[in-house]
Amino acid sequence: MGCDIHAYIEFKRKGRDHWRSFGGRINPGRNYFLFGRLADGVRGDGPALVPTRGMPSDVGSYARDDGFLFITEDGQGNDCCTLENARRWEPSKEWKLHDFVPHPDWHSHSWATAKEWEDAIKPCMEGQHQEPQYVAILAAMQSLEKSGSEVRIVYWFDN
């Protein structure tokens, strides 16, 4: 069974209080070596260079809508579930209708600054682990920073 990364570049302009997505979900491809550098226990040899921080409480709407399921009475519709399922997946929480519950198939949620992403992907810039798409993500993050925005990448994994 494979493992994929789900990633969102998010930015916040100075003076604004909410994060916006830059381009929606990014899946730059499987690189288990890199996954181990981005989160503990996710393939690779670790330890991770970026701490596994969990989903940010102020996550932007694109990442929130992908990373969570909305609890409805009948659980019908895309990205919805029943209250019964939410309680089964995370019994320690007091779930109620219209809450967002973490998607049961996603794990190891975290986020990184552009500098942390750069440090983690250094091996992807040269040698046997070259992955230009991961370097392109860094370039987009750095460009947004140069425009004066606060930037992060929010990500998690599936398997």
N, C-alpha and C. Protein backbone atom coordinates (compact mmCIF):
# COMPACT_ATOMS: atom_id res chain seq x y z
N MET A 1 0.84 -1.17 0.00
CA MET A 1 0.00 0.00 0.00
C MET A 1 0.89 1.24 0.00
N GLY A 2 0.54 2.21 -0.81
CA GLY A 2 1.33 3.43 -0.91
C GLY A 2 0.95 4.45 0.14
N CYS A 3 1.69 5.51 0.16
CA CYS A 3 1.46 6.64 1.07
C CYS A 3 1.62 7.90 0.24
N ASP A 4 0.65 8.80 0.31
CA ASP A 4 0.71 10.05 -0.44
C ASP A 4 0.70 11.23 0.51
N ILE A 5 1.19 12.35 0.03
CA ILE A 5 1.16 13.60 0.79
C ILE A 5 0.05 14.48 0.23
N HIS A 6 -0.65 15.15 1.11
CA HIS A 6 -1.64 16.15 0.76
C HIS A 6 -1.10 17.47 1.29
N ALA A 7 -0.88 18.44 0.42
CA ALA A 7 -0.21 19.67 0.84
C ALA A 7 -0.95 20.90 0.32
N TYR A 8 -0.92 21.95 1.11
CA TYR A 8 -1.52 23.23 0.75
C TYR A 8 -0.56 24.34 1.12
N ILE A 9 -0.16 25.14 0.15
CA ILE A 9 0.58 26.35 0.46
C ILE A 9 -0.46 27.36 0.90
N GLU A 10 -0.24 27.96 2.07
CA GLU A 10 -1.15 28.97 2.59
C GLU A 10 -0.38 30.26 2.85
N PHE A 11 -1.07 31.38 2.64
CA PHE A 11 -0.44 32.67 2.90
C PHE A 11 -1.43 33.59 3.58
N LYS A 12 -0.87 34.54 4.31
CA LYS A 12 -1.67 35.53 5.02
C LYS A 12 -1.01 36.88 4.78
N ARG A 13 -1.76 37.77 4.21
CA ARG A 13 -1.22 39.11 3.97
C ARG A 13 -1.15 39.88 5.28
N LYS A 14 -0.20 40.79 5.35
CA LYS A 14 -0.03 41.60 6.56
C LYS A 14 -1.34 42.33 6.87
N GLY A 15 -1.70 42.30 8.14
CA GLY A 15 -2.92 42.98 8.57
C GLY A 15 -4.19 42.15 8.40
N ARG A 16 -4.06 40.98 7.83
CA ARG A 16 -5.23 40.11 7.65
C ARG A 16 -5.20 39.03 8.72
N ASP A 17 -6.36 38.48 9.02
CA ASP A 17 -6.42 37.50 10.11
C ASP A 17 -6.77 36.10 9.64
N HIS A 18 -6.80 35.86 8.34
CA HIS A 18 -7.10 34.50 7.90
C HIS A 18 -6.12 34.05 6.81
N TRP A 19 -5.92 32.73 6.79
CA TRP A 19 -5.02 32.11 5.83
C TRP A 19 -5.78 31.80 4.56
N ARG A 20 -5.14 32.00 3.41
CA ARG A 20 -5.71 31.67 2.10
C ARG A 20 -4.83 30.63 1.43
N SER A 21 -5.46 29.82 0.61
CA SER A 21 -4.73 28.78 -0.12
C SER A 21 -4.15 29.36 -1.40
N PHE A 22 -2.95 28.93 -1.73
CA PHE A 22 -2.34 29.27 -3.00
C PHE A 22 -2.48 28.06 -3.91
N GLY A 23 -3.53 28.03 -4.71
CA GLY A 23 -3.67 27.02 -5.74
C GLY A 23 -4.34 25.72 -5.34
N GLY A 24 -4.82 25.57 -4.12
CA GLY A 24 -5.49 24.34 -3.74
C GLY A 24 -4.51 23.22 -3.40
N ARG A 25 -5.03 21.99 -3.40
CA ARG A 25 -4.22 20.85 -2.97
C ARG A 25 -3.10 20.55 -3.96
N ILE A 26 -1.95 20.23 -3.39
CA ILE A 26 -0.78 19.85 -4.17
C ILE A 26 -0.41 18.42 -3.77
N ASN A 27 -0.20 17.58 -4.75
CA ASN A 27 0.34 16.23 -4.50
C ASN A 27 1.59 16.11 -5.36
N PRO A 28 2.76 16.46 -4.79
CA PRO A 28 3.98 16.47 -5.60
C PRO A 28 4.57 15.09 -5.88
N GLY A 29 3.93 14.04 -5.42
CA GLY A 29 4.41 12.70 -5.69
C GLY A 29 5.05 12.06 -4.47
N ARG A 30 5.18 10.77 -4.54
CA ARG A 30 5.73 9.99 -3.42
C ARG A 30 7.24 10.10 -3.36
N ASN A 31 7.70 10.42 -2.18
CA ASN A 31 9.13 10.40 -1.90
C ASN A 31 9.24 10.02 -0.43
N TYR A 32 9.34 8.73 -0.16
CA TYR A 32 9.31 8.25 1.21
C TYR A 32 10.49 8.76 2.04
N PHE A 33 11.62 8.96 1.40
CA PHE A 33 12.76 9.56 2.10
C PHE A 33 12.37 10.94 2.64
N LEU A 34 11.77 11.75 1.77
CA LEU A 34 11.35 13.09 2.17
C LEU A 34 10.22 13.03 3.20
N PHE A 35 9.27 12.12 3.03
CA PHE A 35 8.17 12.01 3.99
C PHE A 35 8.71 11.81 5.40
N GLY A 36 9.76 11.00 5.52
CA GLY A 36 10.37 10.76 6.82
C GLY A 36 11.04 12.00 7.40
N ARG A 37 11.41 12.94 6.55
CA ARG A 37 12.01 14.20 7.02
C ARG A 37 10.93 15.20 7.41
N LEU A 38 9.71 14.99 6.92
CA LEU A 38 8.61 15.93 7.18
C LEU A 38 7.71 15.53 8.34
N ALA A 39 7.72 14.25 8.74
CA ALA A 39 6.85 13.82 9.84
C ALA A 39 7.38 12.52 10.43
N ASP A 40 7.36 12.43 11.75
CA ASP A 40 7.80 11.22 12.42
C ASP A 40 6.87 10.06 12.10
N GLY A 41 7.45 8.91 11.83
CA GLY A 41 6.67 7.69 11.62
C GLY A 41 6.02 7.56 10.27
N VAL A 42 6.34 8.45 9.33
CA VAL A 42 5.76 8.36 7.99
C VAL A 42 6.85 7.95 7.03
N ARG A 43 6.98 6.66 6.82
CA ARG A 43 7.99 6.12 5.92
C ARG A 43 9.36 6.68 6.26
N GLY A 44 10.29 6.58 5.38
CA GLY A 44 11.61 7.12 5.59
C GLY A 44 12.25 6.62 6.88
N ASP A 45 13.43 7.14 7.16
CA ASP A 45 14.19 6.70 8.32
C ASP A 45 14.10 7.65 9.51
N GLY A 46 13.59 8.89 9.30
CA GLY A 46 13.45 9.85 10.39
C GLY A 46 14.72 9.95 11.22
N PRO A 47 14.79 10.68 12.28
CA PRO A 47 13.67 11.45 12.79
C PRO A 47 13.36 12.65 11.88
N ALA A 48 12.14 13.11 12.00
CA ALA A 48 11.70 14.22 11.16
C ALA A 48 12.46 15.50 11.52
N LEU A 49 12.71 16.32 10.52
CA LEU A 49 13.32 17.63 10.74
C LEU A 49 12.27 18.67 11.12
N VAL A 50 11.01 18.41 10.75
CA VAL A 50 9.90 19.30 11.08
C VAL A 50 9.06 18.58 12.11
N PRO A 51 8.78 19.22 13.25
CA PRO A 51 7.97 18.54 14.27
C PRO A 51 6.55 18.29 13.74
N THR A 52 5.98 17.17 14.12
CA THR A 52 4.59 16.87 13.75
C THR A 52 3.71 17.70 14.68
N ARG A 53 3.15 18.77 14.13
CA ARG A 53 2.47 19.79 14.93
C ARG A 53 0.96 19.63 14.99
N GLY A 54 0.41 18.79 14.14
CA GLY A 54 -1.04 18.70 14.04
C GLY A 54 -1.56 19.75 13.06
N MET A 55 -2.85 19.67 12.80
CA MET A 55 -3.49 20.63 11.91
C MET A 55 -3.58 21.98 12.62
N PRO A 56 -3.18 23.07 11.96
CA PRO A 56 -3.29 24.38 12.61
C PRO A 56 -4.75 24.70 12.93
N SER A 57 -4.99 25.31 14.07
CA SER A 57 -6.37 25.66 14.46
C SER A 57 -6.95 26.71 13.53
N ASP A 58 -6.11 27.49 12.88
CA ASP A 58 -6.57 28.55 11.98
C ASP A 58 -6.36 28.18 10.50
N VAL A 59 -6.39 26.89 10.21
CA VAL A 59 -6.14 26.41 8.85
C VAL A 59 -7.11 27.06 7.86
N GLY A 60 -6.62 27.30 6.64
CA GLY A 60 -7.45 27.88 5.60
C GLY A 60 -8.56 26.93 5.17
N SER A 61 -9.56 27.47 4.50
CA SER A 61 -10.76 26.68 4.17
C SER A 61 -10.49 25.54 3.19
N TYR A 62 -9.57 25.69 2.25
CA TYR A 62 -9.30 24.62 1.29
C TYR A 62 -8.74 23.39 2.00
N ALA A 63 -7.75 23.60 2.86
CA ALA A 63 -7.17 22.48 3.60
C ALA A 63 -8.16 21.91 4.60
N ARG A 64 -8.91 22.78 5.28
CA ARG A 64 -9.92 22.30 6.23
C ARG A 64 -10.95 21.41 5.53
N ASP A 65 -11.41 21.85 4.38
CA ASP A 65 -12.45 21.09 3.67
C ASP A 65 -11.93 19.75 3.17
N ASP A 66 -10.63 19.64 2.89
CA ASP A 66 -10.05 18.37 2.46
C ASP A 66 -9.67 17.49 3.65
N GLY A 67 -9.25 18.09 4.73
CA GLY A 67 -8.74 17.34 5.86
C GLY A 67 -9.78 16.90 6.87
N PHE A 68 -10.99 17.41 6.75
CA PHE A 68 -12.03 17.11 7.72
C PHE A 68 -13.31 16.68 7.03
N LEU A 69 -14.15 16.01 7.77
CA LEU A 69 -15.49 15.66 7.31
C LEU A 69 -16.49 16.44 8.15
N PHE A 70 -17.55 16.91 7.52
CA PHE A 70 -18.60 17.67 8.18
C PHE A 70 -19.65 16.69 8.70
N ILE A 71 -20.01 16.81 9.96
CA ILE A 71 -20.96 15.88 10.57
C ILE A 71 -22.39 16.36 10.28
N THR A 72 -23.15 15.49 9.60
CA THR A 72 -24.56 15.77 9.30
C THR A 72 -25.42 14.64 9.83
N GLU A 73 -26.73 14.86 9.85
CA GLU A 73 -27.63 13.83 10.37
C GLU A 73 -27.53 12.53 9.59
N ASP A 74 -27.52 12.63 8.25
CA ASP A 74 -27.53 11.41 7.44
C ASP A 74 -26.16 11.05 6.86
N GLY A 75 -25.17 11.92 7.00
CA GLY A 75 -23.84 11.63 6.49
C GLY A 75 -23.75 11.61 4.99
N GLN A 76 -24.78 12.07 4.32
CA GLN A 76 -24.81 12.05 2.86
C GLN A 76 -24.08 13.26 2.29
N GLY A 77 -23.49 13.07 1.14
CA GLY A 77 -22.80 14.16 0.45
C GLY A 77 -21.29 13.99 0.55
N ASN A 78 -20.63 14.71 -0.31
CA ASN A 78 -19.17 14.67 -0.32
C ASN A 78 -18.63 15.24 0.98
N ASP A 79 -17.64 14.58 1.51
CA ASP A 79 -16.93 15.06 2.69
C ASP A 79 -17.82 15.23 3.91
N CYS A 80 -18.79 14.34 4.07
CA CYS A 80 -19.69 14.34 5.23
C CYS A 80 -19.64 12.98 5.91
N CYS A 81 -20.05 12.95 7.15
CA CYS A 81 -20.15 11.70 7.89
C CYS A 81 -21.27 11.83 8.92
N THR A 82 -21.66 10.73 9.50
CA THR A 82 -22.67 10.75 10.55
C THR A 82 -22.01 11.00 11.91
N LEU A 83 -22.82 11.41 12.85
CA LEU A 83 -22.35 11.61 14.22
C LEU A 83 -21.86 10.28 14.81
N GLU A 84 -22.54 9.19 14.47
CA GLU A 84 -22.14 7.86 14.95
C GLU A 84 -20.72 7.51 14.49
N ASN A 85 -20.42 7.76 13.22
CA ASN A 85 -19.07 7.47 12.71
C ASN A 85 -18.02 8.36 13.36
N ALA A 86 -18.32 9.64 13.52
CA ALA A 86 -17.36 10.54 14.17
C ALA A 86 -17.03 10.06 15.57
N ARG A 87 -18.03 9.64 16.31
CA ARG A 87 -17.81 9.15 17.67
C ARG A 87 -17.03 7.84 17.68
N ARG A 88 -17.23 7.02 16.67
CA ARG A 88 -16.50 5.76 16.57
C ARG A 88 -15.02 6.02 16.25
N TRP A 89 -14.75 6.98 15.36
CA TRP A 89 -13.37 7.28 14.95
C TRP A 89 -12.58 7.96 16.06
N GLU A 90 -13.22 8.86 16.79
CA GLU A 90 -12.54 9.58 17.88
C GLU A 90 -13.45 9.62 19.10
N PRO A 91 -13.52 8.50 19.83
CA PRO A 91 -14.47 8.41 20.95
C PRO A 91 -14.14 9.32 22.13
N SER A 92 -12.94 9.85 22.21
CA SER A 92 -12.57 10.70 23.34
C SER A 92 -13.13 12.12 23.22
N LYS A 93 -13.65 12.48 22.05
CA LYS A 93 -14.17 13.83 21.82
C LYS A 93 -15.70 13.85 21.94
N GLU A 94 -16.22 14.97 22.30
CA GLU A 94 -17.68 15.18 22.38
C GLU A 94 -18.16 15.81 21.07
N TRP A 95 -18.38 14.98 20.07
CA TRP A 95 -18.79 15.47 18.76
C TRP A 95 -20.27 15.81 18.77
N LYS A 96 -20.65 16.77 17.94
CA LYS A 96 -22.05 17.11 17.75
C LYS A 96 -22.29 17.44 16.28
N LEU A 97 -23.54 17.49 15.89
CA LEU A 97 -23.87 17.82 14.50
C LEU A 97 -23.22 19.14 14.11
N HIS A 98 -22.76 19.21 12.88
CA HIS A 98 -22.18 20.40 12.27
C HIS A 98 -20.77 20.71 12.76
N ASP A 99 -20.14 19.77 13.46
CA ASP A 99 -18.71 19.86 13.76
C ASP A 99 -17.94 19.35 12.54
N PHE A 100 -16.65 19.65 12.51
CA PHE A 100 -15.74 19.06 11.54
C PHE A 100 -14.89 18.04 12.27
N VAL A 101 -14.91 16.79 11.80
CA VAL A 101 -14.14 15.72 12.41
C VAL A 101 -12.96 15.39 11.48
N PRO A 102 -11.77 15.13 12.03
CA PRO A 102 -10.64 14.77 11.16
C PRO A 102 -10.96 13.55 10.31
N HIS A 103 -10.57 13.61 9.05
CA HIS A 103 -10.80 12.49 8.13
C HIS A 103 -10.10 11.25 8.70
N PRO A 104 -10.79 10.12 8.79
CA PRO A 104 -10.20 8.94 9.41
C PRO A 104 -9.05 8.29 8.63
N ASP A 105 -8.90 8.63 7.36
CA ASP A 105 -7.83 8.04 6.56
C ASP A 105 -6.57 8.90 6.50
N TRP A 106 -6.60 10.09 7.05
CA TRP A 106 -5.46 11.00 7.00
C TRP A 106 -4.75 10.99 8.35
N HIS A 107 -3.44 11.18 8.33
CA HIS A 107 -2.66 11.15 9.58
C HIS A 107 -1.43 12.05 9.48
N SER A 108 -0.80 12.26 10.61
CA SER A 108 0.47 12.99 10.73
C SER A 108 0.36 14.41 10.17
N HIS A 109 -0.69 15.12 10.56
CA HIS A 109 -0.89 16.50 10.12
C HIS A 109 0.21 17.40 10.68
N SER A 110 0.68 18.31 9.85
CA SER A 110 1.69 19.26 10.30
C SER A 110 1.72 20.45 9.36
N TRP A 111 2.63 21.35 9.64
CA TRP A 111 2.86 22.50 8.76
C TRP A 111 4.32 22.93 8.92
N ALA A 112 4.79 23.67 7.93
CA ALA A 112 6.19 24.11 7.95
C ALA A 112 6.29 25.50 7.33
N THR A 113 7.25 26.27 7.81
CA THR A 113 7.58 27.54 7.18
C THR A 113 8.39 27.26 5.93
N ALA A 114 8.62 28.28 5.14
CA ALA A 114 9.45 28.11 3.94
C ALA A 114 10.86 27.65 4.32
N LYS A 115 11.42 28.20 5.38
CA LYS A 115 12.77 27.81 5.81
C LYS A 115 12.79 26.36 6.25
N GLU A 116 11.80 25.93 7.01
CA GLU A 116 11.74 24.53 7.45
C GLU A 116 11.57 23.60 6.26
N TRP A 117 10.73 23.98 5.30
CA TRP A 117 10.54 23.17 4.08
C TRP A 117 11.86 23.06 3.33
N GLU A 118 12.55 24.19 3.20
CA GLU A 118 13.84 24.19 2.50
C GLU A 118 14.84 23.25 3.17
N ASP A 119 14.93 23.31 4.49
CA ASP A 119 15.85 22.43 5.21
C ASP A 119 15.49 20.96 4.99
N ALA A 120 14.20 20.65 5.00
CA ALA A 120 13.76 19.27 4.84
C ALA A 120 14.03 18.74 3.43
N ILE A 121 13.90 19.60 2.43
CA ILE A 121 14.02 19.12 1.04
C ILE A 121 15.42 19.28 0.46
N LYS A 122 16.36 19.75 1.23
CA LYS A 122 17.73 19.95 0.69
C LYS A 122 18.21 18.76 -0.14
N PRO A 123 18.04 17.51 0.32
CA PRO A 123 18.48 16.38 -0.51
C PRO A 123 17.72 16.27 -1.84
N CYS A 124 16.55 16.89 -1.92
CA CYS A 124 15.77 16.83 -3.17
C CYS A 124 16.28 17.81 -4.21
N MET A 125 17.22 18.63 -3.83
CA MET A 125 17.75 19.62 -4.75
C MET A 125 18.92 19.08 -5.57
N GLU A 126 19.47 17.95 -5.14
CA GLU A 126 20.61 17.37 -5.85
C GLU A 126 20.73 15.90 -5.49
N GLY A 127 21.55 15.20 -6.18
CA GLY A 127 21.84 13.80 -5.86
C GLY A 127 20.70 12.85 -6.18
N GLN A 128 20.71 11.72 -5.51
CA GLN A 128 19.78 10.64 -5.85
C GLN A 128 18.34 10.92 -5.47
N HIS A 129 18.08 11.89 -4.63
CA HIS A 129 16.72 12.18 -4.19
C HIS A 129 16.11 13.38 -4.93
N GLN A 130 16.64 13.74 -6.08
CA GLN A 130 16.16 14.92 -6.80
C GLN A 130 14.66 14.84 -7.06
N GLU A 131 13.98 15.89 -6.70
CA GLU A 131 12.53 16.02 -6.91
C GLU A 131 12.23 17.48 -7.21
N PRO A 132 12.25 17.89 -8.48
CA PRO A 132 12.07 19.31 -8.80
C PRO A 132 10.71 19.87 -8.37
N GLN A 133 9.70 19.03 -8.27
CA GLN A 133 8.38 19.53 -7.87
C GLN A 133 8.38 20.01 -6.41
N TYR A 134 9.19 19.39 -5.55
CA TYR A 134 9.31 19.85 -4.16
C TYR A 134 10.06 21.18 -4.11
N VAL A 135 11.02 21.34 -4.99
CA VAL A 135 11.77 22.60 -5.08
C VAL A 135 10.85 23.70 -5.62
N ALA A 136 9.97 23.37 -6.54
CA ALA A 136 9.01 24.35 -7.07
C ALA A 136 8.07 24.85 -5.98
N ILE A 137 7.68 23.97 -5.07
CA ILE A 137 6.85 24.39 -3.93
C ILE A 137 7.60 25.43 -3.11
N LEU A 138 8.87 25.16 -2.85
CA LEU A 138 9.69 26.12 -2.10
C LEU A 138 9.75 27.46 -2.83
N ALA A 139 9.94 27.44 -4.13
CA ALA A 139 10.02 28.69 -4.90
C ALA A 139 8.72 29.49 -4.79
N ALA A 140 7.59 28.81 -4.83
CA ALA A 140 6.30 29.51 -4.68
C ALA A 140 6.19 30.12 -3.29
N MET A 141 6.60 29.37 -2.27
CA MET A 141 6.54 29.88 -0.90
C MET A 141 7.45 31.11 -0.74
N GLN A 142 8.65 31.04 -1.28
CA GLN A 142 9.59 32.15 -1.17
C GLN A 142 9.09 33.37 -1.93
N SER A 143 8.44 33.16 -3.07
CA SER A 143 7.88 34.27 -3.84
C SER A 143 6.78 34.98 -3.05
N LEU A 144 5.93 34.20 -2.40
CA LEU A 144 4.88 34.80 -1.57
C LEU A 144 5.48 35.57 -0.39
N GLU A 145 6.54 35.04 0.19
CA GLU A 145 7.21 35.76 1.28
C GLU A 145 7.79 37.09 0.79
N LYS A 146 8.37 37.07 -0.41
CA LYS A 146 8.95 38.30 -0.96
C LYS A 146 7.89 39.37 -1.20
N SER A 147 6.65 38.94 -1.42
CA SER A 147 5.57 39.90 -1.62
C SER A 147 5.05 40.47 -0.30
N GLY A 148 5.63 40.00 0.81
CA GLY A 148 5.24 40.54 2.12
C GLY A 148 4.24 39.68 2.88
N SER A 149 3.94 38.51 2.38
CA SER A 149 2.98 37.64 3.05
C SER A 149 3.67 36.70 4.03
N GLU A 150 2.94 36.32 5.04
CA GLU A 150 3.36 35.22 5.91
C GLU A 150 2.97 33.94 5.18
N VAL A 151 3.84 32.93 5.19
CA VAL A 151 3.62 31.73 4.37
C VAL A 151 3.91 30.47 5.18
N ARG A 152 3.13 29.45 4.90
CA ARG A 152 3.37 28.12 5.47
C ARG A 152 2.84 27.08 4.49
N ILE A 153 3.28 25.85 4.67
CA ILE A 153 2.69 24.74 3.93
C ILE A 153 2.08 23.80 4.97
N VAL A 154 0.81 23.50 4.77
CA VAL A 154 0.07 22.57 5.65
C VAL A 154 0.01 21.25 4.91
N TYR A 155 0.29 20.16 5.61
CA TYR A 155 0.32 18.85 4.93
C TYR A 155 -0.04 17.73 5.89
N TRP A 156 -0.42 16.60 5.28
CA TRP A 156 -0.67 15.37 6.01
C TRP A 156 -0.52 14.22 5.03
N PHE A 157 -0.68 13.03 5.50
CA PHE A 157 -0.41 11.83 4.70
C PHE A 157 -1.60 10.88 4.74
N ASP A 158 -1.67 10.02 3.74
CA ASP A 158 -2.65 8.95 3.75
C ASP A 158 -1.92 7.65 3.47
N ASN A 159 -2.59 6.54 3.67
CA ASN A 159 -2.03 5.25 3.28
C ASN A 159 -3.12 4.20 3.24
